[in-house]
Amino acid sequence: MEIPVTGNEAYSMPDFTGSAVSSLSITVNEYDALWEMIRNDYNGRLVDILDVAM
């Protein structure tokens, strides 16, 4: 399921059926910088730039 990210805020991704993950929340702190980097400078995987914390 796609979750549109439109600015700085917390986003919740529900419904991980069949997975050990029951839910996932992502907080975007610098949306404009993230957008700029992804569109212009970043050729890798987006997961490489996430700061994962439990």
PDB file of N, CA and C in Angstrom:
ATOM      1  N   MET A   1       0.844  -1.182   0.000  1.00  0.00           N
ATOM      2  CA  MET A   1       0.000   0.000   0.000  1.00  0.00           C
ATOM      3  C   MET A   1       0.887   1.241   0.000  1.00  0.00           C
ATOM      4  N   GLU A   2       0.617   2.169  -0.881  1.00  0.00           N
ATOM      5  CA  GLU A   2       1.378   3.413  -0.936  1.00  0.00           C
ATOM      6  C   GLU A   2       0.817   4.418   0.045  1.00  0.00           C
ATOM      7  N   ILE A   3       1.710   5.116   0.738  1.00  0.00           N
ATOM      8  CA  ILE A   3       1.344   6.189   1.663  1.00  0.00           C
ATOM      9  C   ILE A   3       1.945   7.475   1.101  1.00  0.00           C
ATOM     10  N   PRO A   4       1.122   8.429   0.696  1.00  0.00           N
ATOM     11  CA  PRO A   4       1.679   9.684   0.179  1.00  0.00           C
ATOM     12  C   PRO A   4       2.351  10.484   1.297  1.00  0.00           C
ATOM     13  N   VAL A   5       3.578  10.894   1.055  1.00  0.00           N
ATOM     14  CA  VAL A   5       4.326  11.724   1.995  1.00  0.00           C
ATOM     15  C   VAL A   5       4.368  13.117   1.402  1.00  0.00           C
ATOM     16  N   THR A   6       3.783  14.076   2.131  1.00  0.00           N
ATOM     17  CA  THR A   6       3.645  15.421   1.581  1.00  0.00           C
ATOM     18  C   THR A   6       4.288  16.512   2.430  1.00  0.00           C
ATOM     19  N   GLY A   7       4.899  16.132   3.545  1.00  0.00           N
ATOM     20  CA  GLY A   7       5.524  17.137   4.398  1.00  0.00           C
ATOM     21  C   GLY A   7       6.088  16.520   5.649  1.00  0.00           C
ATOM     22  N   ASN A   8       6.549  17.362   6.554  1.00  0.00           N
ATOM     23  CA  ASN A   8       7.119  16.919   7.824  1.00  0.00           C
ATOM     24  C   ASN A   8       6.009  16.467   8.757  1.00  0.00           C
ATOM     25  N   GLU A   9       5.955  15.196   9.060  1.00  0.00           N
ATOM     26  CA  GLU A   9       4.998  14.648  10.016  1.00  0.00           C
ATOM     27  C   GLU A   9       5.239  13.156  10.165  1.00  0.00           C
ATOM     28  N   ALA A  10       4.474  12.504  11.016  1.00  0.00           N
ATOM     29  CA  ALA A  10       4.562  11.059  11.217  1.00  0.00           C
ATOM     30  C   ALA A  10       3.581  10.368  10.282  1.00  0.00           C
ATOM     31  N   TYR A  11       4.019   9.278   9.694  1.00  0.00           N
ATOM     32  CA  TYR A  11       3.189   8.488   8.790  1.00  0.00           C
ATOM     33  C   TYR A  11       3.123   7.064   9.329  1.00  0.00           C
ATOM     34  N   SER A  12       1.943   6.472   9.289  1.00  0.00           N
ATOM     35  CA  SER A  12       1.731   5.120   9.782  1.00  0.00           C
ATOM     36  C   SER A  12       1.380   4.209   8.622  1.00  0.00           C
ATOM     37  N   MET A  13       2.063   3.078   8.550  1.00  0.00           N
ATOM     38  CA  MET A  13       1.812   2.101   7.510  1.00  0.00           C
ATOM     39  C   MET A  13       1.258   0.829   8.134  1.00  0.00           C
ATOM     40  N   PRO A  14      -0.041   0.616   8.050  1.00  0.00           N
ATOM     41  CA  PRO A  14      -0.677  -0.555   8.647  1.00  0.00           C
ATOM     42  C   PRO A  14      -0.659  -1.758   7.704  1.00  0.00           C
ATOM     43  N   ASP A  15      -1.155  -2.868   8.208  1.00  0.00           N
ATOM     44  CA  ASP A  15      -1.463  -4.049   7.407  1.00  0.00           C
ATOM     45  C   ASP A  15      -0.241  -4.747   6.826  1.00  0.00           C
ATOM     46  N   PHE A  16       0.552  -5.330   7.696  1.00  0.00           N
ATOM     47  CA  PHE A  16       1.672  -6.157   7.281  1.00  0.00           C
ATOM     48  C   PHE A  16       1.271  -7.618   7.433  1.00  0.00           C
ATOM     49  N   THR A  17       0.230  -8.038   6.754  1.00  0.00           N
ATOM     50  CA  THR A  17      -0.312  -9.385   6.853  1.00  0.00           C
ATOM     51  C   THR A  17       0.761 -10.410   6.512  1.00  0.00           C
ATOM     52  N   GLY A  18       0.890 -11.414   7.385  1.00  0.00           N
ATOM     53  CA  GLY A  18       1.860 -12.475   7.158  1.00  0.00           C
ATOM     54  C   GLY A  18       3.281 -12.100   7.527  1.00  0.00           C
ATOM     55  N   SER A  19       3.456 -10.993   8.192  1.00  0.00           N
ATOM     56  CA  SER A  19       4.785 -10.518   8.576  1.00  0.00           C
ATOM     57  C   SER A  19       4.905 -10.452  10.087  1.00  0.00           C
ATOM     58  N   ALA A  20       6.157 -10.475  10.583  1.00  0.00           N
ATOM     59  CA  ALA A  20       6.396 -10.292  12.012  1.00  0.00           C
ATOM     60  C   ALA A  20       6.157  -8.842  12.430  1.00  0.00           C
ATOM     61  N   VAL A  21       6.066  -7.938  11.469  1.00  0.00           N
ATOM     62  CA  VAL A  21       5.822  -6.520  11.727  1.00  0.00           C
ATOM     63  C   VAL A  21       4.314  -6.287  11.776  1.00  0.00           C
ATOM     64  N   SER A  22       3.832  -5.712  12.878  1.00  0.00           N
ATOM     65  CA  SER A  22       2.395  -5.445  12.982  1.00  0.00           C
ATOM     66  C   SER A  22       2.033  -4.046  12.505  1.00  0.00           C
ATOM     67  N   SER A  23       2.959  -3.107  12.609  1.00  0.00           N
ATOM     68  CA  SER A  23       2.743  -1.750  12.095  1.00  0.00           C
ATOM     69  C   SER A  23       4.092  -1.066  11.965  1.00  0.00           C
ATOM     70  N   LEU A  24       4.127   0.000  11.224  1.00  0.00           N
ATOM     71  CA  LEU A  24       5.361   0.744  11.000  1.00  0.00           C
ATOM     72  C   LEU A  24       5.025   2.221  10.960  1.00  0.00           C
ATOM     73  N   SER A  25       5.777   3.013  11.719  1.00  0.00           N
ATOM     74  CA  SER A  25       5.610   4.467  11.702  1.00  0.00           C
ATOM     75  C   SER A  25       6.906   5.105  11.245  1.00  0.00           C
ATOM     76  N   ILE A  26       6.801   6.046  10.359  1.00  0.00           N
ATOM     77  CA  ILE A  26       7.962   6.782   9.859  1.00  0.00           C
ATOM     78  C   ILE A  26       7.706   8.259  10.094  1.00  0.00           C
ATOM     79  N   THR A  27       8.694   8.945  10.648  1.00  0.00           N
ATOM     80  CA  THR A  27       8.596  10.386  10.858  1.00  0.00           C
ATOM     81  C   THR A  27       9.541  11.086   9.891  1.00  0.00           C
ATOM     82  N   VAL A  28       9.020  12.002   9.121  1.00  0.00           N
ATOM     83  CA  VAL A  28       9.807  12.800   8.191  1.00  0.00           C
ATOM     84  C   VAL A  28      10.067  14.146   8.862  1.00  0.00           C
ATOM     85  N   ASN A  29      11.353  14.457   9.061  1.00  0.00           N
ATOM     86  CA  ASN A  29      11.726  15.692   9.744  1.00  0.00           C
ATOM     87  C   ASN A  29      12.153  16.807   8.791  1.00  0.00           C
ATOM     88  N   GLU A  30      12.706  16.452   7.633  1.00  0.00           N
ATOM     89  CA  GLU A  30      13.161  17.460   6.679  1.00  0.00           C
ATOM     90  C   GLU A  30      12.689  17.080   5.282  1.00  0.00           C
ATOM     91  N   TYR A  31      11.400  17.223   5.062  1.00  0.00           N
ATOM     92  CA  TYR A  31      10.776  16.782   3.814  1.00  0.00           C
ATOM     93  C   TYR A  31      11.408  17.426   2.582  1.00  0.00           C
ATOM     94  N   ASP A  32      11.598  18.722   2.593  1.00  0.00           N
ATOM     95  CA  ASP A  32      12.139  19.411   1.411  1.00  0.00           C
ATOM     96  C   ASP A  32      13.524  18.886   1.053  1.00  0.00           C
ATOM     97  N   ALA A  33      14.376  18.682   2.048  1.00  0.00           N
ATOM     98  CA  ALA A  33      15.722  18.166   1.798  1.00  0.00           C
ATOM     99  C   ALA A  33      15.663  16.718   1.303  1.00  0.00           C
ATOM    100  N   LEU A  34      14.766  15.919   1.877  1.00  0.00           N
ATOM    101  CA  LEU A  34      14.588  14.535   1.444  1.00  0.00           C
ATOM    102  C   LEU A  34      14.133  14.491  -0.006  1.00  0.00           C
ATOM    103  N   TRP A  35      13.137  15.279  -0.339  1.00  0.00           N
ATOM    104  CA  TRP A  35      12.627  15.337  -1.714  1.00  0.00           C
ATOM    105  C   TRP A  35      13.729  15.733  -2.691  1.00  0.00           C
ATOM    106  N   GLU A  36      14.461  16.765  -2.356  1.00  0.00           N
ATOM    107  CA  GLU A  36      15.548  17.248  -3.219  1.00  0.00           C
ATOM    108  C   GLU A  36      16.600  16.165  -3.431  1.00  0.00           C
ATOM    109  N   MET A  37      17.006  15.494  -2.368  1.00  0.00           N
ATOM    110  CA  MET A  37      18.021  14.462  -2.464  1.00  0.00           C
ATOM    111  C   MET A  37      17.545  13.289  -3.320  1.00  0.00           C
ATOM    112  N   ILE A  38      16.327  12.822  -3.079  1.00  0.00           N
ATOM    113  CA  ILE A  38      15.815  11.670  -3.822  1.00  0.00           C
ATOM    114  C   ILE A  38      15.677  11.995  -5.306  1.00  0.00           C
ATOM    115  N   ARG A  39      15.210  13.163  -5.632  1.00  0.00           N
ATOM    116  CA  ARG A  39      14.973  13.527  -7.025  1.00  0.00           C
ATOM    117  C   ARG A  39      16.233  13.908  -7.788  1.00  0.00           C
ATOM    118  N   ASN A  40      17.253  14.410  -7.098  1.00  0.00           N
ATOM    119  CA  ASN A  40      18.397  14.962  -7.818  1.00  0.00           C
ATOM    120  C   ASN A  40      19.744  14.289  -7.562  1.00  0.00           C
ATOM    121  N   ASP A  41      19.985  13.816  -6.349  1.00  0.00           N
ATOM    122  CA  ASP A  41      21.339  13.392  -6.014  1.00  0.00           C
ATOM    123  C   ASP A  41      21.478  11.927  -5.619  1.00  0.00           C
ATOM    124  N   TYR A  42      20.407  11.215  -5.408  1.00  0.00           N
ATOM    125  CA  TYR A  42      20.505   9.892  -4.805  1.00  0.00           C
ATOM    126  C   TYR A  42      20.191   8.802  -5.813  1.00  0.00           C
ATOM    127  N   ASN A  43      21.141   7.874  -5.997  1.00  0.00           N
ATOM    128  CA  ASN A  43      20.958   6.789  -6.959  1.00  0.00           C
ATOM    129  C   ASN A  43      20.830   5.429  -6.287  1.00  0.00           C
ATOM    130  N   GLY A  44      20.858   5.397  -4.967  1.00  0.00           N
ATOM    131  CA  GLY A  44      20.778   4.142  -4.231  1.00  0.00           C
ATOM    132  C   GLY A  44      19.360   3.804  -3.826  1.00  0.00           C
ATOM    133  N   ARG A  45      19.265   3.004  -2.791  1.00  0.00           N
ATOM    134  CA  ARG A  45      17.958   2.610  -2.281  1.00  0.00           C
ATOM    135  C   ARG A  45      17.553   3.562  -1.166  1.00  0.00           C
ATOM    136  N   LEU A  46      16.292   3.918  -1.123  1.00  0.00           N
ATOM    137  CA  LEU A  46      15.789   4.832  -0.094  1.00  0.00           C
ATOM    138  C   LEU A  46      16.014   4.261   1.295  1.00  0.00           C
ATOM    139  N   VAL A  47      15.942   2.943   1.443  1.00  0.00           N
ATOM    140  CA  VAL A  47      16.144   2.321   2.747  1.00  0.00           C
ATOM    141  C   VAL A  47      17.540   2.615   3.294  1.00  0.00           C
ATOM    142  N   ASP A  48      18.501   2.934   2.416  1.00  0.00           N
ATOM    143  CA  ASP A  48      19.865   3.228   2.848  1.00  0.00           C
ATOM    144  C   ASP A  48      19.957   4.528   3.646  1.00  0.00           C
ATOM    145  N   ILE A  49      18.980   5.412   3.539  1.00  0.00           N
ATOM    146  CA  ILE A  49      19.059   6.703   4.222  1.00  0.00           C
ATOM    147  C   ILE A  49      18.129   6.806   5.411  1.00  0.00           C
ATOM    148  N   LEU A  50      17.381   5.752   5.697  1.00  0.00           N
ATOM    149  CA  LEU A  50      16.471   5.772   6.840  1.00  0.00           C
ATOM    150  C   LEU A  50      17.230   5.558   8.137  1.00  0.00           C
ATOM    151  N   ASP A  51      16.864   6.278   9.156  1.00  0.00           N
ATOM    152  CA  ASP A  51      17.399   6.102  10.497  1.00  0.00           C
ATOM    153  C   ASP A  51      16.398   5.228  11.258  1.00  0.00           C
ATOM    154  N   VAL A  52      16.722   3.945  11.394  1.00  0.00           N
ATOM    155  CA  VAL A  52      15.792   2.982  11.970  1.00  0.00           C
ATOM    156  C   VAL A  52      16.008   2.894  13.476  1.00  0.00           C
ATOM    157  N   ALA A  53      14.928   3.027  14.240  1.00  0.00           N
ATOM    158  CA  ALA A  53      14.987   2.925  15.700  1.00  0.00           C
ATOM    159  C   ALA A  53      13.789   2.115  16.179  1.00  0.00           C
ATOM    160  N   MET A  54      13.989   1.384  17.270  1.00  0.00           N
ATOM    161  CA  MET A  54      12.901   0.588  17.831  1.00  0.00           C
ATOM    162  C   MET A  54      12.435   1.215  19.118  1.00  0.00           C
TER     163      MET A  54
END
